[in-house]
Amino acid sequence: MMLLPESLFDKFGVEFRPGDIVFCEYEPGNECFFIQEGRVKITKTVGNTQKTLDVLGQGDFFGEMAILEEEPRSASAIAVEVVRALKFNRANFDSLMNTQPQLAYRLLVIFANRIFDAKRRLQILLLDDSQAKVADVFCMLSEKDPNYGEATKMVFNVTVDDVASWCGLPAAEVQRVVSGFVRQGKVELFADRIVCNNINDFNRIVAAKRKNLL
């Protein structure tokens, strides 16, 4: 995982406490952030509900689209724990890209991953069955795991609300589906994580549903 030189923290460093709002959705944005330590939750308001879009950690960039597009923030960013980050603005962003080629490369990787994630999440939303949508969220999360393809039991540090935001369903509906998986022995549900005992079970659910859609 790439980290920028700690010496940059003296010039660009900022710190946030758990629960601190880094920036809010719809507000003007002229700063972006590179996380050195800690985690940041990216959320978006949908109706009267705040949905979690992603949880970013060490080595991740966020807020850069407001600089590149000069548009209001499309989401909010909230510190999950103590966060140490580097903060850049439009005035020094271009210079930073030229003097820190590893950062420019990291940004390109982030853009590529976000395009892939957007397409992958669209696949989930196109399913017309709640159970299949929830199952496909587990499949998507497993694809990001370093042990993907090697381990069948997967531990995801997400909540039911997180799953609901990814599959575009009310949290109560996702809770109903997950509870069904718990009763079947496919899932173990905890306050801060969901354990899938055999990810292949969920791959089969999704594959069967997509086959029926053809």
N, C-alpha and C. Protein backbone atom coordinates (compact mmCIF):
# COMPACT_ATOMS: atom_id res chain seq x y z
N MET A 1 0.84 -1.19 0.00
CA MET A 1 0.00 0.00 0.00
C MET A 1 0.88 1.25 0.00
N MET A 2 0.59 2.17 -0.90
CA MET A 2 1.43 3.34 -1.04
C MET A 2 1.11 4.39 0.01
N LEU A 3 2.15 4.93 0.63
CA LEU A 3 2.02 6.08 1.51
C LEU A 3 2.97 7.16 1.04
N LEU A 4 2.55 8.41 1.19
CA LEU A 4 3.41 9.52 0.81
C LEU A 4 4.40 9.80 1.93
N PRO A 5 5.53 10.44 1.61
CA PRO A 5 6.53 10.72 2.64
C PRO A 5 5.92 11.45 3.84
N GLU A 6 6.29 11.01 5.04
CA GLU A 6 5.75 11.62 6.25
C GLU A 6 6.10 13.10 6.35
N SER A 7 7.18 13.51 5.67
CA SER A 7 7.57 14.92 5.71
C SER A 7 6.50 15.82 5.12
N LEU A 8 5.67 15.27 4.21
CA LEU A 8 4.60 16.07 3.63
C LEU A 8 3.53 16.42 4.66
N PHE A 9 3.46 15.63 5.75
CA PHE A 9 2.43 15.89 6.74
C PHE A 9 2.65 17.23 7.43
N ASP A 10 3.91 17.63 7.58
CA ASP A 10 4.19 18.92 8.21
C ASP A 10 3.58 20.07 7.42
N LYS A 11 3.52 19.90 6.11
CA LYS A 11 3.02 20.98 5.25
C LYS A 11 1.54 20.83 4.93
N PHE A 12 1.09 19.61 4.71
CA PHE A 12 -0.28 19.39 4.24
C PHE A 12 -1.16 18.61 5.22
N GLY A 13 -0.62 18.22 6.38
CA GLY A 13 -1.32 17.30 7.26
C GLY A 13 -2.50 17.91 8.01
N VAL A 14 -3.56 17.10 8.17
CA VAL A 14 -4.71 17.44 8.99
C VAL A 14 -5.11 16.19 9.77
N GLU A 15 -5.78 16.39 10.89
CA GLU A 15 -6.25 15.27 11.70
C GLU A 15 -7.73 15.44 11.99
N PHE A 16 -8.44 14.33 12.08
CA PHE A 16 -9.87 14.33 12.40
C PHE A 16 -10.12 13.31 13.50
N ARG A 17 -11.09 13.64 14.36
CA ARG A 17 -11.50 12.73 15.42
C ARG A 17 -12.67 11.88 14.94
N PRO A 18 -12.93 10.75 15.58
CA PRO A 18 -14.08 9.92 15.18
C PRO A 18 -15.37 10.74 15.18
N GLY A 19 -16.11 10.65 14.08
CA GLY A 19 -17.37 11.39 13.95
C GLY A 19 -17.23 12.76 13.32
N ASP A 20 -15.99 13.26 13.18
CA ASP A 20 -15.79 14.56 12.53
C ASP A 20 -16.24 14.51 11.07
N ILE A 21 -16.91 15.56 10.62
CA ILE A 21 -17.32 15.66 9.22
C ILE A 21 -16.20 16.34 8.45
N VAL A 22 -15.62 15.62 7.50
CA VAL A 22 -14.53 16.17 6.69
C VAL A 22 -15.10 17.16 5.68
N PHE A 23 -16.18 16.77 5.02
CA PHE A 23 -16.94 17.69 4.17
C PHE A 23 -18.34 17.13 3.98
N CYS A 24 -19.26 18.00 3.55
CA CYS A 24 -20.66 17.62 3.41
C CYS A 24 -21.10 17.60 1.95
N GLU A 25 -22.04 16.73 1.67
CA GLU A 25 -22.64 16.64 0.35
C GLU A 25 -23.23 17.99 -0.04
N TYR A 26 -23.06 18.35 -1.31
CA TYR A 26 -23.61 19.57 -1.94
C TYR A 26 -22.81 20.83 -1.65
N GLU A 27 -21.89 20.82 -0.68
CA GLU A 27 -21.15 22.04 -0.43
C GLU A 27 -20.05 22.20 -1.49
N PRO A 28 -19.63 23.44 -1.74
CA PRO A 28 -18.54 23.64 -2.71
C PRO A 28 -17.28 22.92 -2.23
N GLY A 29 -16.51 22.42 -3.18
CA GLY A 29 -15.31 21.70 -2.80
C GLY A 29 -14.09 22.16 -3.55
N ASN A 30 -13.04 22.49 -2.85
CA ASN A 30 -11.77 22.84 -3.50
C ASN A 30 -10.59 22.17 -2.81
N GLU A 31 -10.87 21.08 -2.08
CA GLU A 31 -9.82 20.34 -1.40
C GLU A 31 -10.04 18.84 -1.55
N CYS A 32 -8.94 18.09 -1.62
CA CYS A 32 -9.02 16.64 -1.64
C CYS A 32 -8.07 16.10 -0.57
N PHE A 33 -8.21 14.82 -0.25
CA PHE A 33 -7.51 14.25 0.91
C PHE A 33 -6.90 12.90 0.56
N PHE A 34 -5.73 12.65 1.13
CA PHE A 34 -5.04 11.37 0.99
C PHE A 34 -4.84 10.80 2.39
N ILE A 35 -5.41 9.65 2.66
CA ILE A 35 -5.40 9.09 4.02
C ILE A 35 -4.06 8.43 4.33
N GLN A 36 -3.43 8.89 5.38
CA GLN A 36 -2.20 8.27 5.87
C GLN A 36 -2.51 7.23 6.95
N GLU A 37 -3.50 7.52 7.81
CA GLU A 37 -3.91 6.60 8.86
C GLU A 37 -5.40 6.78 9.11
N GLY A 38 -6.06 5.68 9.51
CA GLY A 38 -7.47 5.76 9.89
C GLY A 38 -8.41 5.45 8.74
N ARG A 39 -9.71 5.55 9.03
CA ARG A 39 -10.74 5.23 8.04
C ARG A 39 -11.76 6.36 7.94
N VAL A 40 -12.27 6.56 6.74
CA VAL A 40 -13.26 7.60 6.45
C VAL A 40 -14.45 6.96 5.74
N LYS A 41 -15.65 7.29 6.21
CA LYS A 41 -16.88 6.77 5.61
C LYS A 41 -17.43 7.78 4.61
N ILE A 42 -17.74 7.32 3.40
CA ILE A 42 -18.34 8.16 2.37
C ILE A 42 -19.83 7.87 2.34
N THR A 43 -20.65 8.89 2.55
CA THR A 43 -22.09 8.69 2.63
C THR A 43 -22.83 9.62 1.67
N LYS A 44 -24.06 9.22 1.33
CA LYS A 44 -24.91 10.03 0.47
C LYS A 44 -26.33 9.98 1.00
N THR A 45 -27.01 11.11 0.95
CA THR A 45 -28.39 11.17 1.41
C THR A 45 -29.33 10.72 0.31
N VAL A 46 -30.13 9.70 0.61
CA VAL A 46 -31.13 9.18 -0.33
C VAL A 46 -32.48 9.27 0.38
N GLY A 47 -33.33 10.21 -0.07
CA GLY A 47 -34.57 10.45 0.64
C GLY A 47 -34.28 11.01 2.01
N ASN A 48 -34.76 10.32 3.03
CA ASN A 48 -34.50 10.75 4.41
C ASN A 48 -33.43 9.90 5.09
N THR A 49 -32.73 9.10 4.28
CA THR A 49 -31.77 8.16 4.84
C THR A 49 -30.36 8.46 4.35
N GLN A 50 -29.40 8.32 5.24
CA GLN A 50 -28.00 8.48 4.87
C GLN A 50 -27.41 7.11 4.54
N LYS A 51 -27.00 6.91 3.30
CA LYS A 51 -26.49 5.63 2.84
C LYS A 51 -24.96 5.64 2.81
N THR A 52 -24.35 4.56 3.23
CA THR A 52 -22.90 4.42 3.16
C THR A 52 -22.51 3.92 1.78
N LEU A 53 -21.71 4.69 1.07
CA LEU A 53 -21.24 4.29 -0.26
C LEU A 53 -19.94 3.50 -0.17
N ASP A 54 -19.08 3.89 0.76
CA ASP A 54 -17.79 3.21 0.87
C ASP A 54 -17.14 3.58 2.20
N VAL A 55 -16.19 2.77 2.61
CA VAL A 55 -15.35 3.08 3.76
C VAL A 55 -13.91 2.99 3.28
N LEU A 56 -13.20 4.12 3.32
CA LEU A 56 -11.85 4.22 2.80
C LEU A 56 -10.83 4.16 3.92
N GLY A 57 -9.64 3.67 3.59
CA GLY A 57 -8.60 3.54 4.60
C GLY A 57 -7.26 4.02 4.12
N GLN A 58 -6.21 3.59 4.80
CA GLN A 58 -4.85 4.03 4.53
C GLN A 58 -4.48 3.87 3.06
N GLY A 59 -3.96 4.94 2.47
CA GLY A 59 -3.55 4.90 1.08
C GLY A 59 -4.63 5.29 0.09
N ASP A 60 -5.83 5.61 0.59
CA ASP A 60 -6.93 6.00 -0.30
C ASP A 60 -7.01 7.51 -0.46
N PHE A 61 -7.50 7.91 -1.64
CA PHE A 61 -7.73 9.29 -1.99
C PHE A 61 -9.23 9.53 -1.94
N PHE A 62 -9.68 10.71 -1.53
CA PHE A 62 -11.09 11.04 -1.66
C PHE A 62 -11.27 12.56 -1.78
N GLY A 63 -12.38 12.95 -2.38
CA GLY A 63 -12.68 14.37 -2.55
C GLY A 63 -12.08 15.00 -3.79
N GLU A 64 -11.37 14.18 -4.59
CA GLU A 64 -10.64 14.76 -5.73
C GLU A 64 -11.56 15.20 -6.87
N MET A 65 -12.78 14.62 -6.97
CA MET A 65 -13.65 14.96 -8.09
C MET A 65 -14.12 16.41 -8.00
N ALA A 66 -14.26 16.94 -6.81
CA ALA A 66 -14.66 18.34 -6.67
C ALA A 66 -13.60 19.27 -7.24
N ILE A 67 -12.32 18.87 -7.12
CA ILE A 67 -11.24 19.66 -7.69
C ILE A 67 -11.21 19.52 -9.21
N LEU A 68 -11.33 18.28 -9.68
CA LEU A 68 -11.20 18.03 -11.11
C LEU A 68 -12.40 18.55 -11.90
N GLU A 69 -13.60 18.45 -11.33
CA GLU A 69 -14.81 18.84 -12.05
C GLU A 69 -15.32 20.21 -11.66
N GLU A 70 -14.81 20.76 -10.55
CA GLU A 70 -15.26 22.05 -10.02
C GLU A 70 -16.77 22.04 -9.81
N GLU A 71 -17.27 20.96 -9.25
CA GLU A 71 -18.68 20.79 -8.94
C GLU A 71 -18.85 20.65 -7.43
N PRO A 72 -20.08 20.88 -6.92
CA PRO A 72 -20.32 20.66 -5.48
C PRO A 72 -20.07 19.20 -5.10
N ARG A 73 -19.83 18.97 -3.84
CA ARG A 73 -19.57 17.62 -3.36
C ARG A 73 -20.76 16.71 -3.67
N SER A 74 -20.47 15.51 -4.17
CA SER A 74 -21.53 14.55 -4.49
C SER A 74 -21.85 13.64 -3.32
N ALA A 75 -21.06 13.71 -2.24
CA ALA A 75 -21.26 12.87 -1.06
C ALA A 75 -20.59 13.54 0.13
N SER A 76 -20.86 13.00 1.31
CA SER A 76 -20.23 13.49 2.53
C SER A 76 -19.12 12.53 2.95
N ALA A 77 -18.16 13.04 3.70
CA ALA A 77 -17.06 12.23 4.22
C ALA A 77 -16.99 12.43 5.73
N ILE A 78 -17.00 11.31 6.48
CA ILE A 78 -17.03 11.36 7.94
C ILE A 78 -15.94 10.45 8.50
N ALA A 79 -15.17 10.94 9.42
CA ALA A 79 -14.11 10.12 10.04
C ALA A 79 -14.74 9.02 10.89
N VAL A 80 -14.31 7.78 10.66
CA VAL A 80 -14.80 6.64 11.43
C VAL A 80 -13.98 6.50 12.71
N GLU A 81 -12.72 6.81 12.62
CA GLU A 81 -11.80 6.73 13.75
C GLU A 81 -10.83 7.90 13.62
N VAL A 82 -9.82 7.95 14.44
CA VAL A 82 -8.82 9.01 14.30
C VAL A 82 -8.18 8.90 12.91
N VAL A 83 -8.20 10.01 12.19
CA VAL A 83 -7.69 10.03 10.82
C VAL A 83 -6.57 11.07 10.69
N ARG A 84 -5.48 10.64 10.10
CA ARG A 84 -4.40 11.55 9.71
C ARG A 84 -4.36 11.55 8.19
N ALA A 85 -4.50 12.73 7.60
CA ALA A 85 -4.59 12.80 6.14
C ALA A 85 -3.80 14.00 5.63
N LEU A 86 -3.47 13.94 4.36
CA LEU A 86 -2.86 15.07 3.66
C LEU A 86 -3.95 15.78 2.89
N LYS A 87 -4.02 17.09 3.02
CA LYS A 87 -5.07 17.89 2.38
C LYS A 87 -4.44 18.76 1.29
N PHE A 88 -5.00 18.66 0.10
CA PHE A 88 -4.50 19.43 -1.04
C PHE A 88 -5.63 20.26 -1.64
N ASN A 89 -5.26 21.42 -2.20
CA ASN A 89 -6.26 22.26 -2.86
C ASN A 89 -5.90 22.46 -4.32
N ARG A 90 -6.74 23.20 -5.04
CA ARG A 90 -6.50 23.38 -6.48
C ARG A 90 -5.15 24.04 -6.75
N ALA A 91 -4.74 24.92 -5.84
CA ALA A 91 -3.51 25.67 -6.08
C ALA A 91 -2.28 24.77 -6.09
N ASN A 92 -2.27 23.74 -5.24
CA ASN A 92 -1.07 22.89 -5.19
C ASN A 92 -1.28 21.49 -5.76
N PHE A 93 -2.51 21.19 -6.19
CA PHE A 93 -2.81 19.84 -6.68
C PHE A 93 -2.02 19.52 -7.95
N ASP A 94 -2.05 20.43 -8.93
CA ASP A 94 -1.34 20.19 -10.19
C ASP A 94 0.15 20.03 -9.95
N SER A 95 0.71 20.89 -9.10
CA SER A 95 2.13 20.80 -8.80
C SER A 95 2.46 19.47 -8.13
N LEU A 96 1.58 19.03 -7.27
CA LEU A 96 1.79 17.76 -6.58
C LEU A 96 1.79 16.59 -7.56
N MET A 97 0.88 16.63 -8.53
CA MET A 97 0.82 15.56 -9.53
C MET A 97 2.13 15.47 -10.32
N ASN A 98 2.75 16.62 -10.58
CA ASN A 98 3.98 16.66 -11.36
C ASN A 98 5.20 16.23 -10.56
N THR A 99 5.20 16.52 -9.25
CA THR A 99 6.37 16.24 -8.44
C THR A 99 6.29 14.91 -7.70
N GLN A 100 5.09 14.32 -7.65
CA GLN A 100 4.89 13.04 -6.96
C GLN A 100 4.26 12.04 -7.94
N PRO A 101 5.07 11.49 -8.85
CA PRO A 101 4.50 10.59 -9.88
C PRO A 101 3.79 9.37 -9.27
N GLN A 102 4.26 8.91 -8.11
CA GLN A 102 3.58 7.77 -7.49
C GLN A 102 2.17 8.13 -7.06
N LEU A 103 1.95 9.41 -6.70
CA LEU A 103 0.61 9.86 -6.33
C LEU A 103 -0.28 9.95 -7.57
N ALA A 104 0.27 10.44 -8.67
CA ALA A 104 -0.49 10.50 -9.92
C ALA A 104 -0.91 9.11 -10.37
N TYR A 105 0.00 8.15 -10.23
CA TYR A 105 -0.32 6.76 -10.58
C TYR A 105 -1.42 6.22 -9.67
N ARG A 106 -1.31 6.51 -8.37
CA ARG A 106 -2.31 6.04 -7.41
C ARG A 106 -3.69 6.59 -7.77
N LEU A 107 -3.73 7.85 -8.20
CA LEU A 107 -4.99 8.47 -8.57
C LEU A 107 -5.60 7.79 -9.79
N LEU A 108 -4.77 7.45 -10.76
CA LEU A 108 -5.26 6.74 -11.95
C LEU A 108 -5.83 5.37 -11.56
N VAL A 109 -5.15 4.69 -10.65
CA VAL A 109 -5.65 3.39 -10.18
C VAL A 109 -7.00 3.54 -9.49
N ILE A 110 -7.12 4.59 -8.68
CA ILE A 110 -8.38 4.84 -7.98
C ILE A 110 -9.51 5.08 -8.98
N PHE A 111 -9.25 5.90 -10.01
CA PHE A 111 -10.27 6.16 -11.03
C PHE A 111 -10.69 4.87 -11.72
N ALA A 112 -9.71 4.04 -12.08
CA ALA A 112 -10.01 2.78 -12.76
C ALA A 112 -10.86 1.88 -11.86
N ASN A 113 -10.49 1.81 -10.58
CA ASN A 113 -11.24 0.97 -9.63
C ASN A 113 -12.66 1.49 -9.43
N ARG A 114 -12.82 2.81 -9.42
CA ARG A 114 -14.15 3.36 -9.20
C ARG A 114 -15.05 3.12 -10.41
N ILE A 115 -14.47 3.15 -11.60
CA ILE A 115 -15.26 2.82 -12.79
C ILE A 115 -15.71 1.37 -12.73
N PHE A 116 -14.79 0.47 -12.34
CA PHE A 116 -15.15 -0.94 -12.20
C PHE A 116 -16.21 -1.13 -11.13
N ASP A 117 -16.04 -0.45 -9.97
CA ASP A 117 -17.00 -0.58 -8.89
C ASP A 117 -18.38 -0.11 -9.32
N ALA A 118 -18.43 0.99 -10.08
CA ALA A 118 -19.73 1.51 -10.54
C ALA A 118 -20.42 0.49 -11.44
N LYS A 119 -19.66 -0.13 -12.33
CA LYS A 119 -20.24 -1.15 -13.20
C LYS A 119 -20.68 -2.37 -12.41
N ARG A 120 -19.86 -2.75 -11.41
CA ARG A 120 -20.19 -3.93 -10.61
C ARG A 120 -21.44 -3.70 -9.78
N ARG A 121 -21.59 -2.51 -9.24
CA ARG A 121 -22.77 -2.21 -8.44
C ARG A 121 -24.02 -2.11 -9.30
N LEU A 122 -23.85 -1.67 -10.55
CA LEU A 122 -24.98 -1.64 -11.47
C LEU A 122 -25.49 -3.06 -11.72
N GLN A 123 -24.57 -4.03 -11.80
CA GLN A 123 -24.99 -5.42 -11.97
C GLN A 123 -25.89 -5.87 -10.82
N ILE A 124 -25.55 -5.42 -9.61
CA ILE A 124 -26.38 -5.76 -8.45
C ILE A 124 -27.76 -5.13 -8.57
N LEU A 125 -27.80 -3.86 -8.93
CA LEU A 125 -29.06 -3.14 -9.01
C LEU A 125 -29.99 -3.68 -10.09
N LEU A 126 -29.41 -4.28 -11.14
CA LEU A 126 -30.22 -4.81 -12.24
C LEU A 126 -30.93 -6.10 -11.87
N LEU A 127 -30.50 -6.77 -10.82
CA LEU A 127 -31.20 -7.97 -10.37
C LEU A 127 -32.56 -7.57 -9.80
N ASP A 128 -33.60 -8.37 -10.06
CA ASP A 128 -34.95 -7.99 -9.63
C ASP A 128 -35.44 -8.81 -8.44
N ASP A 129 -34.52 -9.41 -7.70
CA ASP A 129 -34.86 -10.25 -6.56
C ASP A 129 -34.03 -9.82 -5.36
N SER A 130 -34.68 -9.57 -4.22
CA SER A 130 -33.99 -9.07 -3.04
C SER A 130 -32.90 -10.03 -2.57
N GLN A 131 -33.22 -11.32 -2.53
CA GLN A 131 -32.25 -12.31 -2.07
C GLN A 131 -31.02 -12.34 -2.97
N ALA A 132 -31.25 -12.27 -4.27
CA ALA A 132 -30.14 -12.29 -5.21
C ALA A 132 -29.29 -11.02 -5.08
N LYS A 133 -29.94 -9.87 -4.86
CA LYS A 133 -29.19 -8.62 -4.69
C LYS A 133 -28.27 -8.69 -3.48
N VAL A 134 -28.80 -9.16 -2.36
CA VAL A 134 -27.98 -9.27 -1.15
C VAL A 134 -26.85 -10.27 -1.38
N ALA A 135 -27.17 -11.40 -2.01
CA ALA A 135 -26.15 -12.40 -2.29
C ALA A 135 -25.06 -11.82 -3.18
N ASP A 136 -25.44 -10.99 -4.15
CA ASP A 136 -24.45 -10.43 -5.07
C ASP A 136 -23.57 -9.39 -4.38
N VAL A 137 -24.10 -8.71 -3.36
CA VAL A 137 -23.25 -7.81 -2.57
C VAL A 137 -22.14 -8.62 -1.90
N PHE A 138 -22.49 -9.78 -1.34
CA PHE A 138 -21.48 -10.63 -0.73
C PHE A 138 -20.46 -11.10 -1.77
N CYS A 139 -20.94 -11.42 -2.97
CA CYS A 139 -20.03 -11.84 -4.05
C CYS A 139 -19.09 -10.70 -4.42
N MET A 140 -19.63 -9.48 -4.52
CA MET A 140 -18.82 -8.32 -4.85
C MET A 140 -17.74 -8.09 -3.79
N LEU A 141 -18.13 -8.18 -2.53
CA LEU A 141 -17.17 -7.98 -1.44
C LEU A 141 -16.09 -9.06 -1.45
N SER A 142 -16.48 -10.29 -1.79
CA SER A 142 -15.50 -11.37 -1.82
C SER A 142 -14.48 -11.16 -2.92
N GLU A 143 -14.91 -10.55 -4.03
CA GLU A 143 -14.01 -10.30 -5.16
C GLU A 143 -12.90 -9.33 -4.80
N LYS A 144 -13.14 -8.50 -3.77
CA LYS A 144 -12.14 -7.53 -3.33
C LYS A 144 -11.21 -8.10 -2.26
N ASP A 145 -11.53 -9.29 -1.76
CA ASP A 145 -10.75 -9.87 -0.68
C ASP A 145 -9.45 -10.46 -1.21
N PRO A 146 -8.33 -10.26 -0.50
CA PRO A 146 -7.04 -10.82 -0.96
C PRO A 146 -7.06 -12.34 -1.11
N ASN A 147 -7.95 -13.02 -0.37
CA ASN A 147 -8.04 -14.48 -0.43
C ASN A 147 -9.07 -14.97 -1.42
N TYR A 148 -9.56 -14.07 -2.27
CA TYR A 148 -10.58 -14.45 -3.25
C TYR A 148 -10.08 -15.61 -4.12
N GLY A 149 -10.91 -16.63 -4.25
CA GLY A 149 -10.55 -17.79 -5.04
C GLY A 149 -9.84 -18.87 -4.26
N GLU A 150 -9.40 -18.55 -3.05
CA GLU A 150 -8.68 -19.52 -2.23
C GLU A 150 -9.50 -19.97 -1.02
N ALA A 151 -10.20 -19.04 -0.40
CA ALA A 151 -10.99 -19.35 0.79
C ALA A 151 -12.48 -19.30 0.45
N THR A 152 -13.25 -20.16 1.08
CA THR A 152 -14.70 -20.16 0.88
C THR A 152 -15.42 -19.41 2.00
N LYS A 153 -14.86 -19.42 3.21
CA LYS A 153 -15.43 -18.67 4.32
C LYS A 153 -14.88 -17.26 4.30
N MET A 154 -15.77 -16.27 4.24
CA MET A 154 -15.34 -14.89 4.09
C MET A 154 -15.91 -14.06 5.23
N VAL A 155 -15.10 -13.13 5.75
CA VAL A 155 -15.53 -12.21 6.80
C VAL A 155 -15.54 -10.80 6.22
N PHE A 156 -16.70 -10.15 6.26
CA PHE A 156 -16.84 -8.80 5.71
C PHE A 156 -17.13 -7.83 6.85
N ASN A 157 -16.31 -6.81 6.96
CA ASN A 157 -16.48 -5.80 8.02
C ASN A 157 -17.50 -4.76 7.59
N VAL A 158 -18.73 -5.21 7.44
CA VAL A 158 -19.84 -4.36 7.00
C VAL A 158 -21.05 -4.64 7.87
N THR A 159 -22.04 -3.77 7.80
CA THR A 159 -23.29 -3.95 8.53
C THR A 159 -24.42 -4.17 7.55
N VAL A 160 -25.58 -4.50 8.08
CA VAL A 160 -26.78 -4.66 7.24
C VAL A 160 -27.08 -3.36 6.50
N ASP A 161 -26.90 -2.22 7.17
CA ASP A 161 -27.14 -0.93 6.52
C ASP A 161 -26.20 -0.73 5.34
N ASP A 162 -24.93 -1.14 5.48
CA ASP A 162 -23.98 -1.03 4.38
C ASP A 162 -24.45 -1.85 3.18
N VAL A 163 -24.87 -3.09 3.45
CA VAL A 163 -25.35 -3.97 2.38
C VAL A 163 -26.57 -3.35 1.70
N ALA A 164 -27.46 -2.77 2.50
CA ALA A 164 -28.66 -2.13 1.94
C ALA A 164 -28.31 -1.00 0.99
N SER A 165 -27.28 -0.23 1.34
CA SER A 165 -26.90 0.89 0.47
C SER A 165 -26.34 0.41 -0.85
N TRP A 166 -25.62 -0.72 -0.83
CA TRP A 166 -25.04 -1.24 -2.05
C TRP A 166 -26.09 -1.85 -2.98
N CYS A 167 -27.12 -2.46 -2.41
CA CYS A 167 -28.10 -3.12 -3.28
C CYS A 167 -29.37 -2.30 -3.47
N GLY A 168 -29.41 -1.09 -2.92
CA GLY A 168 -30.53 -0.20 -3.19
C GLY A 168 -31.85 -0.65 -2.59
N LEU A 169 -31.79 -1.32 -1.45
CA LEU A 169 -32.99 -1.83 -0.78
C LEU A 169 -33.13 -1.20 0.60
N PRO A 170 -34.35 -1.14 1.14
CA PRO A 170 -34.52 -0.66 2.53
C PRO A 170 -33.78 -1.59 3.49
N ALA A 171 -33.25 -1.02 4.55
CA ALA A 171 -32.49 -1.81 5.52
C ALA A 171 -33.34 -2.93 6.12
N ALA A 172 -34.64 -2.67 6.32
CA ALA A 172 -35.52 -3.69 6.90
C ALA A 172 -35.64 -4.89 5.97
N GLU A 173 -35.70 -4.65 4.66
CA GLU A 173 -35.79 -5.75 3.70
C GLU A 173 -34.49 -6.56 3.68
N VAL A 174 -33.36 -5.87 3.74
CA VAL A 174 -32.08 -6.57 3.77
C VAL A 174 -31.93 -7.37 5.06
N GLN A 175 -32.40 -6.79 6.17
CA GLN A 175 -32.37 -7.52 7.44
C GLN A 175 -33.17 -8.81 7.34
N ARG A 176 -34.33 -8.74 6.67
CA ARG A 176 -35.16 -9.94 6.50
C ARG A 176 -34.42 -11.00 5.70
N VAL A 177 -33.77 -10.58 4.60
CA VAL A 177 -33.04 -11.53 3.76
C VAL A 177 -31.86 -12.13 4.51
N VAL A 178 -31.10 -11.28 5.18
CA VAL A 178 -29.93 -11.77 5.92
C VAL A 178 -30.35 -12.72 7.04
N SER A 179 -31.45 -12.39 7.72
CA SER A 179 -31.95 -13.27 8.78
C SER A 179 -32.30 -14.65 8.22
N GLY A 180 -32.84 -14.67 6.98
CA GLY A 180 -33.12 -15.94 6.33
C GLY A 180 -31.84 -16.72 6.07
N PHE A 181 -30.81 -16.03 5.65
CA PHE A 181 -29.52 -16.69 5.43
C PHE A 181 -28.94 -17.22 6.75
N VAL A 182 -29.17 -16.48 7.83
CA VAL A 182 -28.70 -16.93 9.15
C VAL A 182 -29.40 -18.23 9.53
N ARG A 183 -30.71 -18.27 9.34
CA ARG A 183 -31.46 -19.48 9.69
C ARG A 183 -31.02 -20.69 8.87
N GLN A 184 -30.59 -20.42 7.63
CA GLN A 184 -30.13 -21.50 6.75
C GLN A 184 -28.69 -21.91 7.03
N GLY A 185 -28.02 -21.18 7.92
CA GLY A 185 -26.63 -21.48 8.24
C GLY A 185 -25.63 -20.95 7.24
N LYS A 186 -26.09 -20.10 6.34
CA LYS A 186 -25.19 -19.56 5.32
C LYS A 186 -24.40 -18.36 5.84
N VAL A 187 -24.95 -17.68 6.84
CA VAL A 187 -24.37 -16.42 7.32
C VAL A 187 -24.37 -16.39 8.84
N GLU A 188 -23.35 -15.72 9.40
CA GLU A 188 -23.32 -15.37 10.82
C GLU A 188 -23.32 -13.84 10.89
N LEU A 189 -24.25 -13.28 11.64
CA LEU A 189 -24.42 -11.84 11.68
C LEU A 189 -23.96 -11.29 13.02
N PHE A 190 -23.07 -10.28 12.97
CA PHE A 190 -22.57 -9.60 14.17
C PHE A 190 -22.81 -8.09 13.99
N ALA A 191 -22.62 -7.35 15.06
CA ALA A 191 -22.88 -5.91 15.01
C ALA A 191 -21.99 -5.19 14.00
N ASP A 192 -20.74 -5.67 13.87
CA ASP A 192 -19.77 -4.96 13.03
C ASP A 192 -19.26 -5.77 11.85
N ARG A 193 -19.82 -6.96 11.63
CA ARG A 193 -19.34 -7.78 10.52
C ARG A 193 -20.37 -8.83 10.14
N ILE A 194 -20.21 -9.34 8.94
CA ILE A 194 -21.04 -10.44 8.45
C ILE A 194 -20.11 -11.53 7.95
N VAL A 195 -20.33 -12.75 8.42
CA VAL A 195 -19.50 -13.88 8.03
C VAL A 195 -20.29 -14.77 7.08
N CYS A 196 -19.77 -14.98 5.89
CA CYS A 196 -20.38 -15.90 4.93
C CYS A 196 -19.63 -17.22 5.03
N ASN A 197 -20.33 -18.27 5.43
CA ASN A 197 -19.68 -19.55 5.69
C ASN A 197 -19.18 -20.23 4.43
N ASN A 198 -19.85 -19.99 3.31
CA ASN A 198 -19.39 -20.55 2.02
C ASN A 198 -19.83 -19.60 0.92
N ILE A 199 -18.89 -18.81 0.42
CA ILE A 199 -19.24 -17.81 -0.59
C ILE A 199 -19.77 -18.44 -1.86
N ASN A 200 -19.45 -19.70 -2.09
CA ASN A 200 -19.95 -20.37 -3.29
C ASN A 200 -21.47 -20.50 -3.27
N ASP A 201 -22.08 -20.57 -2.07
CA ASP A 201 -23.54 -20.60 -1.97
C ASP A 201 -24.15 -19.36 -2.62
N PHE A 202 -23.52 -18.23 -2.40
CA PHE A 202 -24.05 -16.97 -2.92
C PHE A 202 -23.74 -16.80 -4.40
N ASN A 203 -22.58 -17.32 -4.83
CA ASN A 203 -22.28 -17.32 -6.26
C ASN A 203 -23.34 -18.10 -7.03
N ARG A 204 -23.78 -19.23 -6.45
CA ARG A 204 -24.78 -20.06 -7.12
C ARG A 204 -26.14 -19.36 -7.17
N ILE A 205 -26.50 -18.68 -6.09
CA ILE A 205 -27.78 -17.95 -6.07
C ILE A 205 -27.81 -16.90 -7.17
N VAL A 206 -26.72 -16.14 -7.28
CA VAL A 206 -26.66 -15.07 -8.27
C VAL A 206 -26.61 -15.63 -9.69
N ALA A 207 -25.81 -16.67 -9.89
CA ALA A 207 -25.69 -17.26 -11.23
C ALA A 207 -27.04 -17.79 -11.70
N ALA A 208 -27.80 -18.43 -10.80
CA ALA A 208 -29.10 -18.97 -11.18
C ALA A 208 -30.06 -17.85 -11.53
N LYS A 209 -30.04 -16.76 -10.79
CA LYS A 209 -30.94 -15.64 -11.05
C LYS A 209 -30.59 -14.97 -12.37
N ARG A 210 -29.30 -14.77 -12.63
CA ARG A 210 -28.91 -14.11 -13.88
C ARG A 210 -29.24 -15.01 -15.07
N LYS A 211 -29.11 -16.31 -14.90
CA LYS A 211 -29.45 -17.24 -15.98
C LYS A 211 -30.94 -17.13 -16.32
N ASN A 212 -31.79 -16.97 -15.30
CA ASN A 212 -33.23 -16.84 -15.52
C ASN A 212 -33.60 -15.53 -16.20
N LEU A 213 -32.71 -14.52 -16.07
CA LEU A 213 -33.00 -13.22 -16.68
C LEU A 213 -32.67 -13.20 -18.17
N LEU A 214 -31.86 -14.18 -18.63
CA LEU A 214 -31.46 -14.21 -20.03
C LEU A 214 -32.62 -14.58 -20.94
